[in-house]
Amino acid sequence: MGGGEHGHGGEDFRGKVWSMSGGAYCRPKHWRRNTAFAMVGLIFVCIPIAMKSAELEQRPHLPVRPIPSQLWCKNFGTKDYNDVE
């Protein structure tokens, strides 16, 4: 019933740990290259999606505050938000 010795002998268990992420000291080969490929792939996927989104963006009412996408979206007129109506 106690928490006595279970035969581990004080040895380092980290070398025997298996996990999907690679264990305690995960350093796969070519990790910098693979990370760079993933980042470039994300950029090539996200930029066309963002451009298409800006092209299709429409708002039925003018926003109360400036929205960052208004800087690059052509569907908005110019409105000065400092004017009090």
PDB file of N, CA and C in Angstrom:
ATOM      1  N   MET A   1       0.795  -1.192   0.000  1.00  0.00           N
ATOM      2  CA  MET A   1       0.000   0.000   0.000  1.00  0.00           C
ATOM      3  C   MET A   1       0.838   1.258   0.000  1.00  0.00           C
ATOM      4  N   GLY A   2       2.049   1.208   0.298  1.00  0.00           N
ATOM      5  CA  GLY A   2       2.839   2.417   0.403  1.00  0.00           C
ATOM      6  C   GLY A   2       3.406   2.851  -0.932  1.00  0.00           C
ATOM      7  N   GLY A   3       4.101   3.951  -0.900  1.00  0.00           N
ATOM      8  CA  GLY A   3       4.742   4.479  -2.096  1.00  0.00           C
ATOM      9  C   GLY A   3       6.196   4.089  -2.127  1.00  0.00           C
ATOM     10  N   GLY A   4       6.494   2.874  -1.774  1.00  0.00           N
ATOM     11  CA  GLY A   4       7.875   2.419  -1.693  1.00  0.00           C
ATOM     12  C   GLY A   4       8.519   2.266  -3.059  1.00  0.00           C
ATOM     13  N   GLU A   5       9.692   1.715  -3.053  1.00  0.00           N
ATOM     14  CA  GLU A   5      10.471   1.517  -4.274  1.00  0.00           C
ATOM     15  C   GLU A   5       9.774   0.537  -5.204  1.00  0.00           C
ATOM     16  N   HIS A   6       9.697   0.888  -6.460  1.00  0.00           N
ATOM     17  CA  HIS A   6       9.030   0.038  -7.449  1.00  0.00           C
ATOM     18  C   HIS A   6      10.000  -0.440  -8.517  1.00  0.00           C
ATOM     19  N   GLY A   7      11.257  -0.455  -8.230  1.00  0.00           N
ATOM     20  CA  GLY A   7      12.230  -0.999  -9.152  1.00  0.00           C
ATOM     21  C   GLY A   7      12.763  -0.011 -10.172  1.00  0.00           C
ATOM     22  N   HIS A   8      12.502   1.263  -9.992  1.00  0.00           N
ATOM     23  CA  HIS A   8      13.011   2.241 -10.947  1.00  0.00           C
ATOM     24  C   HIS A   8      14.486   2.511 -10.725  1.00  0.00           C
ATOM     25  N   GLY A   9      14.935   2.410  -9.519  1.00  0.00           N
ATOM     26  CA  GLY A   9      16.351   2.542  -9.233  1.00  0.00           C
ATOM     27  C   GLY A   9      16.899   3.935  -9.450  1.00  0.00           C
ATOM     28  N   GLY A  10      16.076   4.925  -9.579  1.00  0.00           N
ATOM     29  CA  GLY A  10      16.551   6.283  -9.736  1.00  0.00           C
ATOM     30  C   GLY A  10      17.108   6.587 -11.114  1.00  0.00           C
ATOM     31  N   GLU A  11      16.892   5.718 -12.081  1.00  0.00           N
ATOM     32  CA  GLU A  11      17.424   5.959 -13.419  1.00  0.00           C
ATOM     33  C   GLU A  11      16.599   7.019 -14.147  1.00  0.00           C
ATOM     34  N   ASP A  12      17.194   7.580 -15.159  1.00  0.00           N
ATOM     35  CA  ASP A  12      16.532   8.640 -15.920  1.00  0.00           C
ATOM     36  C   ASP A  12      15.518   8.020 -16.867  1.00  0.00           C
ATOM     37  N   PHE A  13      14.263   8.339 -16.675  1.00  0.00           N
ATOM     38  CA  PHE A  13      13.185   7.753 -17.467  1.00  0.00           C
ATOM     39  C   PHE A  13      12.942   8.513 -18.771  1.00  0.00           C
ATOM     40  N   ARG A  14      13.543   9.696 -18.942  1.00  0.00           N
ATOM     41  CA  ARG A  14      13.208  10.532 -20.095  1.00  0.00           C
ATOM     42  C   ARG A  14      13.622   9.916 -21.425  1.00  0.00           C
ATOM     43  N   GLY A  15      14.615   9.064 -21.426  1.00  0.00           N
ATOM     44  CA  GLY A  15      15.025   8.418 -22.661  1.00  0.00           C
ATOM     45  C   GLY A  15      14.051   7.361 -23.131  1.00  0.00           C
ATOM     46  N   LYS A  16      13.193   6.898 -22.245  1.00  0.00           N
ATOM     47  CA  LYS A  16      12.243   5.848 -22.583  1.00  0.00           C
ATOM     48  C   LYS A  16      10.829   6.371 -22.790  1.00  0.00           C
ATOM     49  N   VAL A  17      10.652   7.659 -22.636  1.00  0.00           N
ATOM     50  CA  VAL A  17       9.318   8.247 -22.795  1.00  0.00           C
ATOM     51  C   VAL A  17       9.007   8.357 -24.276  1.00  0.00           C
ATOM     52  N   TRP A  18       7.835   7.899 -24.668  1.00  0.00           N
ATOM     53  CA  TRP A  18       7.398   8.057 -26.049  1.00  0.00           C
ATOM     54  C   TRP A  18       6.183   8.958 -26.050  1.00  0.00           C
ATOM     55  N   SER A  19       6.175   9.906 -26.937  1.00  0.00           N
ATOM     56  CA  SER A  19       5.001  10.752 -27.112  1.00  0.00           C
ATOM     57  C   SER A  19       4.959  11.184 -28.567  1.00  0.00           C
ATOM     58  N   MET A  20       3.800  11.656 -28.985  1.00  0.00           N
ATOM     59  CA  MET A  20       3.654  12.078 -30.379  1.00  0.00           C
ATOM     60  C   MET A  20       4.531  13.278 -30.692  1.00  0.00           C
ATOM     61  N   SER A  21       4.802  14.103 -29.694  1.00  0.00           N
ATOM     62  CA  SER A  21       5.620  15.284 -29.930  1.00  0.00           C
ATOM     63  C   SER A  21       7.109  14.977 -29.914  1.00  0.00           C
ATOM     64  N   GLY A  22       7.507  13.780 -29.610  1.00  0.00           N
ATOM     65  CA  GLY A  22       8.905  13.416 -29.709  1.00  0.00           C
ATOM     66  C   GLY A  22       9.594  13.187 -28.388  1.00  0.00           C
ATOM     67  N   GLY A  23       8.902  13.241 -27.297  1.00  0.00           N
ATOM     68  CA  GLY A  23       9.524  12.941 -26.019  1.00  0.00           C
ATOM     69  C   GLY A  23      10.054  14.183 -25.337  1.00  0.00           C
ATOM     70  N   ALA A  24      10.930  13.963 -24.380  1.00  0.00           N
ATOM     71  CA  ALA A  24      11.403  15.048 -23.530  1.00  0.00           C
ATOM     72  C   ALA A  24      12.345  15.990 -24.271  1.00  0.00           C
ATOM     73  N   TYR A  25      13.178  15.450 -25.149  1.00  0.00           N
ATOM     74  CA  TYR A  25      14.144  16.284 -25.857  1.00  0.00           C
ATOM     75  C   TYR A  25      13.922  16.151 -27.360  1.00  0.00           C
ATOM     76  N   CYS A  26      12.879  16.749 -27.850  1.00  0.00           N
ATOM     77  CA  CYS A  26      12.537  16.619 -29.268  1.00  0.00           C
ATOM     78  C   CYS A  26      13.323  17.637 -30.083  1.00  0.00           C
ATOM     79  N   ARG A  27      14.129  17.190 -31.005  1.00  0.00           N
ATOM     80  CA  ARG A  27      14.834  18.061 -31.932  1.00  0.00           C
ATOM     81  C   ARG A  27      14.953  17.313 -33.253  1.00  0.00           C
ATOM     82  N   PRO A  28      13.873  17.298 -34.063  1.00  0.00           N
ATOM     83  CA  PRO A  28      13.926  16.544 -35.307  1.00  0.00           C
ATOM     84  C   PRO A  28      14.951  17.120 -36.282  1.00  0.00           C
ATOM     85  N   LYS A  29      15.391  16.280 -37.203  1.00  0.00           N
ATOM     86  CA  LYS A  29      16.333  16.730 -38.229  1.00  0.00           C
ATOM     87  C   LYS A  29      15.662  17.769 -39.117  1.00  0.00           C
ATOM     88  N   HIS A  30      16.431  18.744 -39.529  1.00  0.00           N
ATOM     89  CA  HIS A  30      15.992  19.769 -40.470  1.00  0.00           C
ATOM     90  C   HIS A  30      14.769  20.541 -39.973  1.00  0.00           C
ATOM     91  N   TRP A  31      14.663  20.785 -38.676  1.00  0.00           N
ATOM     92  CA  TRP A  31      13.481  21.446 -38.153  1.00  0.00           C
ATOM     93  C   TRP A  31      13.394  22.889 -38.627  1.00  0.00           C
ATOM     94  N   ARG A  32      14.526  23.562 -38.812  1.00  0.00           N
ATOM     95  CA  ARG A  32      14.484  24.954 -39.290  1.00  0.00           C
ATOM     96  C   ARG A  32      14.000  25.012 -40.733  1.00  0.00           C
ATOM     97  N   ARG A  33      14.482  24.117 -41.569  1.00  0.00           N
ATOM     98  CA  ARG A  33      14.045  24.084 -42.961  1.00  0.00           C
ATOM     99  C   ARG A  33      12.560  23.764 -43.046  1.00  0.00           C
ATOM    100  N   ASN A  34      12.112  22.778 -42.275  1.00  0.00           N
ATOM    101  CA  ASN A  34      10.698  22.402 -42.300  1.00  0.00           C
ATOM    102  C   ASN A  34       9.809  23.538 -41.807  1.00  0.00           C
ATOM    103  N   THR A  35      10.267  24.258 -40.789  1.00  0.00           N
ATOM    104  CA  THR A  35       9.509  25.403 -40.292  1.00  0.00           C
ATOM    105  C   THR A  35       9.434  26.494 -41.349  1.00  0.00           C
ATOM    106  N   ALA A  36      10.548  26.736 -42.045  1.00  0.00           N
ATOM    107  CA  ALA A  36      10.549  27.747 -43.104  1.00  0.00           C
ATOM    108  C   ALA A  36       9.601  27.351 -44.232  1.00  0.00           C
ATOM    109  N   PHE A  37       9.599  26.082 -44.623  1.00  0.00           N
ATOM    110  CA  PHE A  37       8.657  25.613 -45.656  1.00  0.00           C
ATOM    111  C   PHE A  37       7.218  25.831 -45.215  1.00  0.00           C
ATOM    112  N   ALA A  38       6.927  25.531 -43.959  1.00  0.00           N
ATOM    113  CA  ALA A  38       5.564  25.699 -43.455  1.00  0.00           C
ATOM    114  C   ALA A  38       5.160  27.172 -43.453  1.00  0.00           C
ATOM    115  N   MET A  39       6.058  28.055 -43.059  1.00  0.00           N
ATOM    116  CA  MET A  39       5.738  29.487 -43.030  1.00  0.00           C
ATOM    117  C   MET A  39       5.525  30.035 -44.439  1.00  0.00           C
ATOM    118  N   VAL A  40       6.373  29.646 -45.376  1.00  0.00           N
ATOM    119  CA  VAL A  40       6.213  30.094 -46.761  1.00  0.00           C
ATOM    120  C   VAL A  40       4.895  29.559 -47.331  1.00  0.00           C
ATOM    121  N   GLY A  41       4.574  28.314 -47.028  1.00  0.00           N
ATOM    122  CA  GLY A  41       3.307  27.754 -47.483  1.00  0.00           C
ATOM    123  C   GLY A  41       2.120  28.500 -46.918  1.00  0.00           C
ATOM    124  N   LEU A  42       2.174  28.853 -45.634  1.00  0.00           N
ATOM    125  CA  LEU A  42       1.087  29.625 -45.037  1.00  0.00           C
ATOM    126  C   LEU A  42       0.942  30.991 -45.697  1.00  0.00           C
ATOM    127  N   ILE A  43       2.064  31.623 -45.983  1.00  0.00           N
ATOM    128  CA  ILE A  43       2.014  32.946 -46.621  1.00  0.00           C
ATOM    129  C   ILE A  43       1.390  32.839 -48.011  1.00  0.00           C
ATOM    130  N   PHE A  44       1.799  31.831 -48.777  1.00  0.00           N
ATOM    131  CA  PHE A  44       1.249  31.678 -50.125  1.00  0.00           C
ATOM    132  C   PHE A  44      -0.225  31.300 -50.117  1.00  0.00           C
ATOM    133  N   VAL A  45      -0.708  30.742 -49.038  1.00  0.00           N
ATOM    134  CA  VAL A  45      -2.128  30.411 -48.941  1.00  0.00           C
ATOM    135  C   VAL A  45      -2.924  31.597 -48.398  1.00  0.00           C
ATOM    136  N   CYS A  46      -2.391  32.276 -47.398  1.00  0.00           N
ATOM    137  CA  CYS A  46      -3.155  33.330 -46.716  1.00  0.00           C
ATOM    138  C   CYS A  46      -3.250  34.630 -47.508  1.00  0.00           C
ATOM    139  N   ILE A  47      -2.224  35.001 -48.253  1.00  0.00           N
ATOM    140  CA  ILE A  47      -2.269  36.269 -48.987  1.00  0.00           C
ATOM    141  C   ILE A  47      -3.361  36.273 -50.054  1.00  0.00           C
ATOM    142  N   PRO A  48      -3.496  35.251 -50.904  1.00  0.00           N
ATOM    143  CA  PRO A  48      -4.604  35.284 -51.863  1.00  0.00           C
ATOM    144  C   PRO A  48      -5.980  35.265 -51.193  1.00  0.00           C
ATOM    145  N   ILE A  49      -6.101  34.564 -50.082  1.00  0.00           N
ATOM    146  CA  ILE A  49      -7.386  34.553 -49.373  1.00  0.00           C
ATOM    147  C   ILE A  49      -7.698  35.942 -48.836  1.00  0.00           C
ATOM    148  N   ALA A  50      -6.720  36.636 -48.281  1.00  0.00           N
ATOM    149  CA  ALA A  50      -6.934  37.983 -47.758  1.00  0.00           C
ATOM    150  C   ALA A  50      -7.266  38.961 -48.886  1.00  0.00           C
ATOM    151  N   MET A  51      -6.620  38.799 -50.041  1.00  0.00           N
ATOM    152  CA  MET A  51      -6.912  39.697 -51.172  1.00  0.00           C
ATOM    153  C   MET A  51      -8.336  39.480 -51.690  1.00  0.00           C
ATOM    154  N   LYS A  52      -8.752  38.232 -51.792  1.00  0.00           N
ATOM    155  CA  LYS A  52     -10.113  37.935 -52.230  1.00  0.00           C
ATOM    156  C   LYS A  52     -11.139  38.427 -51.207  1.00  0.00           C
ATOM    157  N   SER A  53     -10.814  38.296 -49.937  1.00  0.00           N
ATOM    158  CA  SER A  53     -11.703  38.774 -48.884  1.00  0.00           C
ATOM    159  C   SER A  53     -11.883  40.288 -48.960  1.00  0.00           C
ATOM    160  N   ALA A  54     -10.799  41.024 -49.201  1.00  0.00           N
ATOM    161  CA  ALA A  54     -10.892  42.475 -49.317  1.00  0.00           C
ATOM    162  C   ALA A  54     -11.694  42.864 -50.561  1.00  0.00           C
ATOM    163  N   GLU A  55     -11.573  42.082 -51.609  1.00  0.00           N
ATOM    164  CA  GLU A  55     -12.317  42.351 -52.836  1.00  0.00           C
ATOM    165  C   GLU A  55     -13.824  42.153 -52.632  1.00  0.00           C
ATOM    166  N   LEU A  56     -14.204  41.153 -51.861  1.00  0.00           N
ATOM    167  CA  LEU A  56     -15.612  40.816 -51.678  1.00  0.00           C
ATOM    168  C   LEU A  56     -16.257  41.495 -50.466  1.00  0.00           C
ATOM    169  N   GLU A  57     -15.476  42.207 -49.673  1.00  0.00           N
ATOM    170  CA  GLU A  57     -16.000  42.779 -48.433  1.00  0.00           C
ATOM    171  C   GLU A  57     -17.038  43.860 -48.721  1.00  0.00           C
ATOM    172  N   GLN A  58     -18.168  43.731 -48.063  1.00  0.00           N
ATOM    173  CA  GLN A  58     -19.239  44.725 -48.167  1.00  0.00           C
ATOM    174  C   GLN A  58     -19.844  44.916 -46.794  1.00  0.00           C
ATOM    175  N   ARG A  59     -20.290  46.129 -46.525  1.00  0.00           N
ATOM    176  CA  ARG A  59     -20.961  46.417 -45.263  1.00  0.00           C
ATOM    177  C   ARG A  59     -22.225  47.206 -45.573  1.00  0.00           C
ATOM    178  N   PRO A  60     -23.371  46.750 -45.055  1.00  0.00           N
ATOM    179  CA  PRO A  60     -24.617  47.462 -45.349  1.00  0.00           C
ATOM    180  C   PRO A  60     -24.687  48.839 -44.695  1.00  0.00           C
ATOM    181  N   HIS A  61     -23.975  49.034 -43.592  1.00  0.00           N
ATOM    182  CA  HIS A  61     -23.955  50.317 -42.894  1.00  0.00           C
ATOM    183  C   HIS A  61     -22.505  50.731 -42.697  1.00  0.00           C
ATOM    184  N   LEU A  62     -22.270  52.038 -42.732  1.00  0.00           N
ATOM    185  CA  LEU A  62     -20.922  52.508 -42.450  1.00  0.00           C
ATOM    186  C   LEU A  62     -20.589  52.221 -40.986  1.00  0.00           C
ATOM    187  N   PRO A  63     -19.389  51.781 -40.704  1.00  0.00           N
ATOM    188  CA  PRO A  63     -19.032  51.484 -39.322  1.00  0.00           C
ATOM    189  C   PRO A  63     -18.920  52.756 -38.485  1.00  0.00           C
ATOM    190  N   VAL A  64     -19.110  52.590 -37.194  1.00  0.00           N
ATOM    191  CA  VAL A  64     -19.033  53.718 -36.275  1.00  0.00           C
ATOM    192  C   VAL A  64     -17.584  54.133 -36.069  1.00  0.00           C
ATOM    193  N   ARG A  65     -16.696  53.167 -35.986  1.00  0.00           N
ATOM    194  CA  ARG A  65     -15.266  53.412 -35.802  1.00  0.00           C
ATOM    195  C   ARG A  65     -14.510  52.921 -37.035  1.00  0.00           C
ATOM    196  N   PRO A  66     -13.305  53.420 -37.234  1.00  0.00           N
ATOM    197  CA  PRO A  66     -12.512  52.909 -38.365  1.00  0.00           C
ATOM    198  C   PRO A  66     -12.205  51.425 -38.206  1.00  0.00           C
ATOM    199  N   ILE A  67     -12.230  50.709 -39.304  1.00  0.00           N
ATOM    200  CA  ILE A  67     -11.907  49.292 -39.337  1.00  0.00           C
ATOM    201  C   ILE A  67     -10.627  49.153 -40.162  1.00  0.00           C
ATOM    202  N   PRO A  68      -9.641  48.386 -39.691  1.00  0.00           N
ATOM    203  CA  PRO A  68      -8.371  48.305 -40.414  1.00  0.00           C
ATOM    204  C   PRO A  68      -8.507  47.887 -41.873  1.00  0.00           C
ATOM    205  N   SER A  69      -9.460  47.023 -42.190  1.00  0.00           N
ATOM    206  CA  SER A  69      -9.581  46.575 -43.573  1.00  0.00           C
ATOM    207  C   SER A  69     -10.051  47.683 -44.504  1.00  0.00           C
ATOM    208  N   GLN A  70     -10.539  48.794 -43.958  1.00  0.00           N
ATOM    209  CA  GLN A  70     -10.939  49.911 -44.809  1.00  0.00           C
ATOM    210  C   GLN A  70      -9.736  50.565 -45.487  1.00  0.00           C
ATOM    211  N   LEU A  71      -8.553  50.343 -44.956  1.00  0.00           N
ATOM    212  CA  LEU A  71      -7.364  50.933 -45.560  1.00  0.00           C
ATOM    213  C   LEU A  71      -7.068  50.329 -46.928  1.00  0.00           C
ATOM    214  N   TRP A  72      -7.356  49.050 -47.108  1.00  0.00           N
ATOM    215  CA  TRP A  72      -7.030  48.397 -48.378  1.00  0.00           C
ATOM    216  C   TRP A  72      -8.252  47.956 -49.157  1.00  0.00           C
ATOM    217  N   CYS A  73      -9.433  48.087 -48.606  1.00  0.00           N
ATOM    218  CA  CYS A  73     -10.647  47.669 -49.291  1.00  0.00           C
ATOM    219  C   CYS A  73     -11.176  48.834 -50.139  1.00  0.00           C
ATOM    220  N   LYS A  74     -11.512  48.567 -51.379  1.00  0.00           N
ATOM    221  CA  LYS A  74     -11.947  49.607 -52.300  1.00  0.00           C
ATOM    222  C   LYS A  74     -13.456  49.865 -52.248  1.00  0.00           C
ATOM    223  N   ASN A  75     -14.195  49.094 -51.462  1.00  0.00           N
ATOM    224  CA  ASN A  75     -15.643  49.246 -51.418  1.00  0.00           C
ATOM    225  C   ASN A  75     -16.105  50.339 -50.460  1.00  0.00           C
ATOM    226  N   PHE A  76     -15.191  51.019 -49.793  1.00  0.00           N
ATOM    227  CA  PHE A  76     -15.554  52.059 -48.847  1.00  0.00           C
ATOM    228  C   PHE A  76     -15.194  53.413 -49.417  1.00  0.00           C
ATOM    229  N   GLY A  77     -16.011  54.395 -49.102  1.00  0.00           N
ATOM    230  CA  GLY A  77     -15.662  55.770 -49.435  1.00  0.00           C
ATOM    231  C   GLY A  77     -14.748  56.314 -48.359  1.00  0.00           C
ATOM    232  N   THR A  78     -14.430  57.568 -48.467  1.00  0.00           N
ATOM    233  CA  THR A  78     -13.616  58.181 -47.424  1.00  0.00           C
ATOM    234  C   THR A  78     -14.552  58.891 -46.466  1.00  0.00           C
ATOM    235  N   LYS A  79     -14.443  58.580 -45.218  1.00  0.00           N
ATOM    236  CA  LYS A  79     -15.270  59.210 -44.197  1.00  0.00           C
ATOM    237  C   LYS A  79     -14.361  59.647 -43.076  1.00  0.00           C
ATOM    238  N   ASP A  80     -14.545  60.884 -42.655  1.00  0.00           N
ATOM    239  CA  ASP A  80     -13.776  61.380 -41.553  1.00  0.00           C
ATOM    240  C   ASP A  80     -14.516  61.037 -40.255  1.00  0.00           C
ATOM    241  N   TYR A  81     -13.886  60.271 -39.392  1.00  0.00           N
ATOM    242  CA  TYR A  81     -14.546  59.820 -38.177  1.00  0.00           C
ATOM    243  C   TYR A  81     -14.502  60.874 -37.080  1.00  0.00           C
ATOM    244  N   ASN A  82     -13.848  61.983 -37.346  1.00  0.00           N
ATOM    245  CA  ASN A  82     -13.810  63.051 -36.358  1.00  0.00           C
ATOM    246  C   ASN A  82     -15.018  63.959 -36.470  1.00  0.00           C
ATOM    247  N   ASP A  83     -15.745  63.896 -37.586  1.00  0.00           N
ATOM    248  CA  ASP A  83     -16.941  64.715 -37.755  1.00  0.00           C
ATOM    249  C   ASP A  83     -18.039  64.222 -36.837  1.00  0.00           C
ATOM    250  N   VAL A  84     -18.691  65.167 -36.167  1.00  0.00           N
ATOM    251  CA  VAL A  84     -19.807  64.828 -35.301  1.00  0.00           C
ATOM    252  C   VAL A  84     -21.075  65.105 -36.084  1.00  0.00           C
ATOM    253  N   GLU A  85     -21.938  64.132 -36.139  1.00  0.00           N
ATOM    254  CA  GLU A  85     -23.167  64.299 -36.919  1.00  0.00           C
ATOM    255  C   GLU A  85     -24.260  64.881 -36.068  1.00  0.00           C
TER     256      GLU A  85
END
